[in-house]
Amino acid sequence: MLRSAASTRTAPIPAASSVVELLKPITWFPPMWAFGCGVVSAGAAFDERWLFVVGGILLAGPFVCGTSQAVNDWFDRHVDAINEPHRPIPSGRVAGRWGLGIAVAGTLLSLGLAAMLGFWVFVAAILGLALAWAYSAPPFRLKASGWAGPATVGLTYEGLSWFTGASVMAGGLPSLPVIAILLLYSAGAFGIMVLNDFKAVEGDRITGLRSLPVTLGVRRAALLACFVMAAAQVIVIALLAIWGHALSALIVSALLLGQVLLMARLLKDPARFAPWYNATGVTLYVLGMLASALGLGGYL
C-alpha cells in the first residue's frame, strides 16, 4: 500500500485532457440515452425533478460509465501496451498508479452522487459499479467470458441506466411494466455486445479470449445475436399491445422489421458487416427503446 501511494505521488499529475480521454466520453452516450428513456417512461412531470434529471445524466454518463472505462483501461494496461500503446495509461500520459486512483475516486464520487438522488438510484449505482469492477478486474474478469461479458455490459448500459432514469423521476421504485421493458431491452442488448466482439475475432483467438465469435464461430454467433435482439423486441411489442400502447407497439414493430431486413445483409458476412449493422440496425433498436418509453410514459 505504501509503495502504491508513493508511486502515485511521484508520478506526474496527468493533464485534464488525458483524464478525459481515459474516461472515453464517446462511450457515455448509450447509458445516457437509456437514462433518458427511463426518465420518459416514468411519465412524471419535470417541474420539480429537473435537478435530479441533471444529476442522473451526470451519474449515468461521466460518473458511472466514465469510471467503468477507467477501471477497464487500468486492468487492460498490459494488453493495451501492445494493441493500443497510444492510450493514456500505456503511453505514460496517465503514469504510475494514477489510472487506478482515478478509477477508485470515480467509484466513490459516483456513489456519493447516487446517494443524493434516492435509495433505488443508490442501489442501482452499487450494482452497476460492482459489475464494472467485476467485468475488468480479477478474479472475476467477466469480460473474458463470451456469455457473461456481453450480458454484463447490456445490463449496465441499458437496464440499470433506464432503471436509474425511471427511479429519478418516480422518486422510488419504477413500475413493474417499466422494469419488464428495461429488462427485455437489456437482454436484447446482449446481441449488440456480441456483435461488438466481431471487430477483434483474430486478436481474441490469439490471446485466448473466449468471445462468442471465437467459441461458436462467426456465423453462429451472428445468428445468436440477431435472434436475441429480435426475440426481446417481439416480447416488448406483445407487452405494449397487451397494455394498450398500440401506437408504441406499431412503431417498434416497424423498427424491428427494418432491423430484420438489415440482419439479412449482416448474416451474409458478419465479420465484414458487423460495424455497418452497429451503425444502422442498432440505431433502429435504440429508437425502439424510446418509442417504448414514450408509450409507457403516456406520451403516445
Protein backbone atom coordinates (compact mmCIF):
# COMPACT_ATOMS: atom_id res chain seq x y z
CA MET A 1 0.00 0.00 0.00
CA LEU A 2 2.83 2.42 0.87
CA ARG A 3 4.51 1.56 -2.41
CA SER A 4 1.26 2.29 -4.28
CA ALA A 5 0.83 5.63 -2.57
CA ALA A 6 4.43 6.57 -3.27
CA SER A 7 4.07 5.58 -6.91
CA THR A 8 1.07 7.90 -7.30
CA ARG A 9 2.80 10.79 -5.54
CA THR A 10 5.99 10.58 -7.57
CA ALA A 11 4.28 10.18 -10.94
CA PRO A 12 3.36 13.50 -12.59
CA ILE A 13 -0.23 14.65 -12.28
CA PRO A 14 -1.94 13.77 -15.59
CA ALA A 15 -3.27 16.53 -17.80
CA ALA A 16 -7.03 17.08 -17.77
CA SER A 17 -7.21 16.14 -21.45
CA SER A 18 -5.57 12.78 -20.72
CA VAL A 19 -8.02 12.08 -17.88
CA VAL A 20 -10.97 12.90 -20.16
CA GLU A 21 -9.54 10.58 -22.81
CA LEU A 22 -9.19 7.84 -20.18
CA LEU A 23 -12.90 8.21 -19.33
CA LYS A 24 -13.83 7.81 -23.05
CA PRO A 25 -16.71 10.32 -23.48
CA ILE A 26 -17.82 8.62 -26.71
CA THR A 27 -19.00 5.65 -24.61
CA TRP A 28 -21.24 7.80 -22.41
CA PHE A 29 -23.99 8.18 -25.00
CA PRO A 30 -25.64 4.71 -24.74
CA PRO A 31 -26.22 4.83 -20.97
CA MET A 32 -27.30 8.47 -21.16
CA TRP A 33 -29.80 7.55 -23.91
CA ALA A 34 -31.11 4.67 -21.78
CA PHE A 35 -31.34 7.05 -18.82
CA GLY A 36 -33.40 9.41 -20.95
CA CYS A 37 -35.71 6.54 -21.90
CA GLY A 38 -36.12 5.82 -18.19
CA VAL A 39 -37.00 9.45 -17.50
CA VAL A 40 -39.65 9.45 -20.23
CA SER A 41 -41.07 6.04 -19.27
CA ALA A 42 -41.87 7.22 -15.74
CA GLY A 43 -44.45 9.67 -17.10
CA ALA A 44 -43.76 12.17 -14.33
CA ALA A 45 -43.64 15.97 -14.64
CA PHE A 46 -40.21 17.58 -14.94
CA ASP A 47 -41.11 20.71 -12.98
CA GLU A 48 -39.85 19.58 -9.59
CA ARG A 49 -37.38 16.92 -10.73
CA TRP A 50 -35.14 18.69 -13.24
CA LEU A 51 -32.19 18.90 -10.84
CA PHE A 52 -32.48 15.15 -10.26
CA VAL A 53 -32.54 14.61 -14.02
CA VAL A 54 -29.34 16.63 -14.48
CA GLY A 55 -27.70 14.70 -11.66
CA GLY A 56 -28.86 11.42 -13.16
CA ILE A 57 -27.42 12.27 -16.58
CA LEU A 58 -24.07 13.02 -14.96
CA LEU A 59 -24.28 9.81 -12.97
CA ALA A 60 -25.09 7.57 -15.96
CA GLY A 61 -22.52 9.15 -18.27
CA PRO A 62 -19.30 10.68 -16.96
CA PHE A 63 -19.51 9.19 -13.46
CA VAL A 64 -20.51 5.51 -13.69
CA CYS A 65 -19.71 4.90 -17.36
CA GLY A 66 -16.56 7.01 -17.22
CA THR A 67 -15.43 5.17 -14.11
CA SER A 68 -16.03 1.81 -15.77
CA GLN A 69 -13.78 2.91 -18.64
CA ALA A 70 -11.01 3.90 -16.23
CA VAL A 71 -11.32 0.54 -14.46
CA ASN A 72 -11.17 -1.30 -17.76
CA ASP A 73 -8.12 0.63 -19.00
CA TRP A 74 -6.25 0.07 -15.75
CA PHE A 75 -6.69 -3.70 -15.77
CA ASP A 76 -6.07 -3.89 -19.53
CA ARG A 77 -2.97 -1.70 -19.42
CA HIS A 78 -0.58 -4.56 -20.29
CA VAL A 79 -2.66 -5.64 -23.28
CA ASP A 80 -3.15 -2.02 -24.38
CA ALA A 81 0.62 -1.56 -24.27
CA ILE A 82 0.72 -3.99 -27.21
CA ASN A 83 -2.53 -3.27 -29.04
CA GLU A 84 -3.18 0.41 -28.23
CA PRO A 85 0.06 1.96 -26.96
CA HIS A 86 -1.36 5.44 -27.61
CA ARG A 87 -3.95 5.07 -24.80
CA PRO A 88 -3.35 7.36 -21.77
CA ILE A 89 -2.00 4.68 -19.40
CA PRO A 90 0.39 2.70 -21.65
CA SER A 91 1.60 5.91 -23.29
CA GLY A 92 2.63 7.27 -19.88
CA ARG A 93 0.33 10.29 -20.03
CA VAL A 94 -1.51 8.81 -17.02
CA ALA A 95 1.54 7.42 -15.24
CA GLY A 96 2.18 5.45 -12.08
CA ARG A 97 -0.99 4.41 -10.30
CA TRP A 98 -2.99 7.46 -11.33
CA GLY A 99 -5.19 5.24 -13.50
CA LEU A 100 -6.18 3.13 -10.51
CA GLY A 101 -6.60 6.23 -8.37
CA ILE A 102 -8.95 7.79 -10.92
CA ALA A 103 -10.99 4.57 -11.03
CA VAL A 104 -11.29 4.46 -7.23
CA ALA A 105 -12.10 8.18 -6.98
CA GLY A 106 -14.71 7.84 -9.72
CA THR A 107 -16.33 4.96 -7.85
CA LEU A 108 -16.56 6.93 -4.61
CA LEU A 109 -17.82 10.09 -6.31
CA SER A 110 -20.43 8.08 -8.24
CA LEU A 111 -21.72 6.52 -5.04
CA GLY A 112 -21.87 9.91 -3.36
CA LEU A 113 -23.88 11.43 -6.22
CA ALA A 114 -26.18 8.40 -6.40
CA ALA A 115 -26.90 8.62 -2.67
CA MET A 116 -28.20 12.16 -3.18
CA LEU A 117 -30.58 11.03 -5.93
CA GLY A 118 -32.52 8.45 -3.95
CA PHE A 119 -32.35 4.99 -2.40
CA TRP A 120 -33.09 2.96 -5.54
CA VAL A 121 -30.69 5.06 -7.61
CA PHE A 122 -28.04 4.31 -4.99
CA VAL A 123 -28.82 0.59 -5.16
CA ALA A 124 -28.56 0.64 -8.97
CA ALA A 125 -25.25 2.52 -8.77
CA ILE A 126 -23.80 -0.02 -6.34
CA LEU A 127 -24.78 -2.87 -8.65
CA GLY A 128 -23.53 -1.09 -11.77
CA LEU A 129 -20.16 -0.20 -10.25
CA ALA A 130 -19.73 -3.69 -8.78
CA LEU A 131 -20.33 -5.16 -12.23
CA ALA A 132 -17.93 -2.64 -13.78
CA TRP A 133 -15.13 -3.79 -11.48
CA ALA A 134 -16.06 -7.48 -11.88
CA TYR A 135 -16.10 -7.06 -15.66
CA SER A 136 -12.47 -5.96 -15.84
CA ALA A 137 -10.75 -6.92 -12.61
CA PRO A 138 -9.53 -10.32 -11.43
CA PRO A 139 -10.55 -12.72 -10.06
CA PHE A 140 -13.91 -12.39 -11.88
CA ARG A 141 -12.86 -10.62 -15.11
CA LEU A 142 -16.24 -11.25 -16.69
CA LYS A 143 -15.08 -9.79 -20.00
CA ALA A 144 -13.11 -12.99 -20.60
CA SER A 145 -16.39 -14.90 -20.95
CA GLY A 146 -18.31 -14.68 -24.20
CA TRP A 147 -21.55 -15.08 -22.25
CA ALA A 148 -21.03 -13.13 -19.02
CA GLY A 149 -19.21 -10.20 -20.65
CA PRO A 150 -21.92 -9.13 -23.13
CA ALA A 151 -24.66 -9.81 -20.57
CA THR A 152 -22.93 -7.57 -18.02
CA VAL A 153 -22.48 -4.68 -20.44
CA GLY A 154 -26.05 -5.00 -21.74
CA LEU A 155 -27.46 -4.89 -18.22
CA THR A 156 -25.38 -1.96 -17.05
CA TYR A 157 -25.50 0.21 -20.18
CA GLU A 158 -29.19 -0.28 -20.95
CA GLY A 159 -31.05 -1.78 -17.98
CA LEU A 160 -29.52 -0.07 -14.96
CA SER A 161 -29.32 3.29 -16.75
CA TRP A 162 -33.00 3.05 -17.72
CA PHE A 163 -33.85 1.98 -14.15
CA THR A 164 -31.94 4.99 -12.82
CA GLY A 165 -33.83 7.42 -15.05
CA ALA A 166 -37.20 5.99 -14.07
CA SER A 167 -36.26 5.98 -10.37
CA VAL A 168 -35.09 9.58 -10.51
CA MET A 169 -38.46 10.68 -11.88
CA ALA A 170 -40.62 8.38 -9.79
CA GLY A 171 -38.76 9.20 -6.60
CA GLY A 172 -38.77 5.47 -5.81
CA LEU A 173 -39.03 2.06 -7.40
CA PRO A 174 -40.24 2.17 -11.04
CA SER A 175 -43.46 0.43 -12.02
CA LEU A 176 -43.44 -3.26 -12.96
CA PRO A 177 -44.19 -2.58 -16.66
CA VAL A 178 -41.19 -0.24 -16.83
CA ILE A 179 -38.95 -2.83 -15.14
CA ALA A 180 -40.18 -5.54 -17.51
CA ILE A 181 -39.42 -3.48 -20.64
CA LEU A 182 -35.99 -2.35 -19.46
CA LEU A 183 -35.03 -5.95 -18.67
CA LEU A 184 -36.12 -7.04 -22.14
CA TYR A 185 -34.08 -4.32 -23.82
CA SER A 186 -31.13 -5.28 -21.61
CA ALA A 187 -31.48 -8.87 -22.80
CA GLY A 188 -31.61 -7.72 -26.41
CA ALA A 189 -28.50 -5.60 -25.87
CA PHE A 190 -26.65 -8.87 -25.25
CA GLY A 191 -26.81 -9.36 -29.01
CA ILE A 192 -25.44 -5.88 -29.65
CA MET A 193 -22.47 -6.60 -27.40
CA VAL A 194 -21.80 -9.89 -29.19
CA LEU A 195 -21.65 -8.01 -32.50
CA ASN A 196 -19.09 -5.65 -30.95
CA ASP A 197 -16.81 -8.66 -30.47
CA PHE A 198 -16.56 -9.24 -34.21
CA LYS A 199 -14.05 -6.42 -34.59
CA ALA A 200 -11.40 -8.37 -32.66
CA VAL A 201 -12.00 -12.02 -33.56
CA GLU A 202 -8.44 -12.75 -34.64
CA GLY A 203 -6.91 -10.93 -31.69
CA ASP A 204 -9.25 -12.68 -29.25
CA ARG A 205 -8.38 -16.05 -30.77
CA ILE A 206 -4.64 -15.41 -30.47
CA THR A 207 -4.83 -14.11 -26.89
CA GLY A 208 -7.22 -16.83 -25.73
CA LEU A 209 -10.19 -14.54 -25.04
CA ARG A 210 -13.29 -16.71 -25.31
CA SER A 211 -15.69 -14.36 -27.07
CA LEU A 212 -18.70 -15.98 -28.73
CA PRO A 213 -17.42 -15.35 -32.29
CA VAL A 214 -14.34 -17.35 -31.22
CA THR A 215 -16.09 -20.18 -29.37
CA LEU A 216 -19.21 -20.54 -31.54
CA GLY A 217 -17.80 -19.39 -34.84
CA VAL A 218 -18.58 -16.16 -36.64
CA ARG A 219 -21.83 -17.20 -38.33
CA ARG A 220 -23.37 -18.98 -35.34
CA ALA A 221 -22.52 -16.05 -33.06
CA ALA A 222 -24.13 -13.65 -35.53
CA LEU A 223 -27.27 -15.80 -35.72
CA LEU A 224 -27.46 -15.89 -31.92
CA ALA A 225 -27.03 -12.11 -31.68
CA CYS A 226 -29.78 -11.49 -34.25
CA PHE A 227 -32.13 -13.95 -32.58
CA VAL A 228 -31.66 -12.44 -29.10
CA MET A 229 -32.17 -8.87 -30.34
CA ALA A 230 -35.28 -9.76 -32.32
CA ALA A 231 -36.83 -12.06 -29.71
CA ALA A 232 -36.55 -9.43 -26.97
CA GLN A 233 -38.33 -6.87 -29.17
CA VAL A 234 -41.08 -9.31 -30.15
CA ILE A 235 -41.91 -9.73 -26.46
CA VAL A 236 -41.75 -5.94 -25.97
CA ILE A 237 -44.24 -5.47 -28.81
CA ALA A 238 -46.58 -8.07 -27.34
CA LEU A 239 -46.49 -6.49 -23.88
CA LEU A 240 -47.02 -2.97 -25.22
CA ALA A 241 -50.04 -4.17 -27.20
CA ILE A 242 -51.48 -6.01 -24.19
CA TRP A 243 -51.07 -2.94 -22.02
CA GLY A 244 -52.89 -0.74 -24.55
CA HIS A 245 -49.89 1.08 -26.02
CA ALA A 246 -50.88 0.26 -29.59
CA LEU A 247 -49.01 3.12 -31.29
CA SER A 248 -45.76 2.30 -29.49
CA ALA A 249 -46.19 -1.38 -30.39
CA LEU A 250 -46.72 -0.42 -34.04
CA ILE A 251 -43.62 1.80 -34.11
CA VAL A 252 -41.42 -0.84 -32.51
CA SER A 253 -42.80 -3.40 -34.97
CA ALA A 254 -41.83 -1.21 -37.93
CA LEU A 255 -38.37 -0.61 -36.47
CA LEU A 256 -37.93 -4.35 -35.87
CA LEU A 257 -38.91 -5.08 -39.48
CA GLY A 258 -36.20 -2.66 -40.59
CA GLN A 259 -33.69 -4.44 -38.38
CA VAL A 260 -34.62 -7.84 -39.80
CA LEU A 261 -34.01 -6.56 -43.32
CA LEU A 262 -30.62 -5.24 -42.26
CA MET A 263 -29.83 -8.51 -40.48
CA ALA A 264 -30.19 -10.32 -43.81
CA ARG A 265 -27.20 -8.38 -45.11
CA LEU A 266 -25.30 -8.74 -41.85
CA LEU A 267 -25.54 -12.53 -41.99
CA LYS A 268 -24.03 -12.67 -45.48
CA ASP A 269 -20.65 -11.66 -44.00
CA PRO A 270 -20.90 -10.97 -40.23
CA ALA A 271 -17.24 -10.09 -39.72
CA ARG A 272 -17.40 -7.53 -42.52
CA PHE A 273 -20.85 -6.05 -41.88
CA ALA A 274 -20.95 -6.01 -38.05
CA PRO A 275 -19.67 -2.38 -37.83
CA TRP A 276 -22.17 -1.37 -40.53
CA TYR A 277 -25.01 -3.04 -38.63
CA ASN A 278 -23.97 -1.34 -35.39
CA ALA A 279 -24.42 1.99 -37.16
CA THR A 280 -27.75 1.10 -38.78
CA GLY A 281 -29.62 -1.73 -37.08
CA VAL A 282 -28.60 -0.70 -33.57
CA THR A 283 -29.85 2.82 -34.28
CA LEU A 284 -33.28 1.35 -35.04
CA TYR A 285 -33.05 -0.71 -31.84
CA VAL A 286 -32.45 2.29 -29.59
CA LEU A 287 -35.19 4.28 -31.36
CA GLY A 288 -37.48 1.41 -30.42
CA MET A 289 -36.41 1.88 -26.81
CA LEU A 290 -37.52 5.50 -26.99
CA ALA A 291 -40.84 4.59 -28.65
CA SER A 292 -41.50 2.07 -25.89
CA ALA A 293 -40.62 4.59 -23.20
CA LEU A 294 -42.93 7.20 -24.73
CA GLY A 295 -45.78 4.70 -24.65
CA LEU A 296 -45.12 3.67 -21.06
CA GLY A 297 -44.95 7.31 -20.02
CA GLY A 298 -48.27 8.13 -21.67
CA TYR A 299 -46.80 10.40 -24.35
CA LEU A 300 -48.06 8.28 -27.27
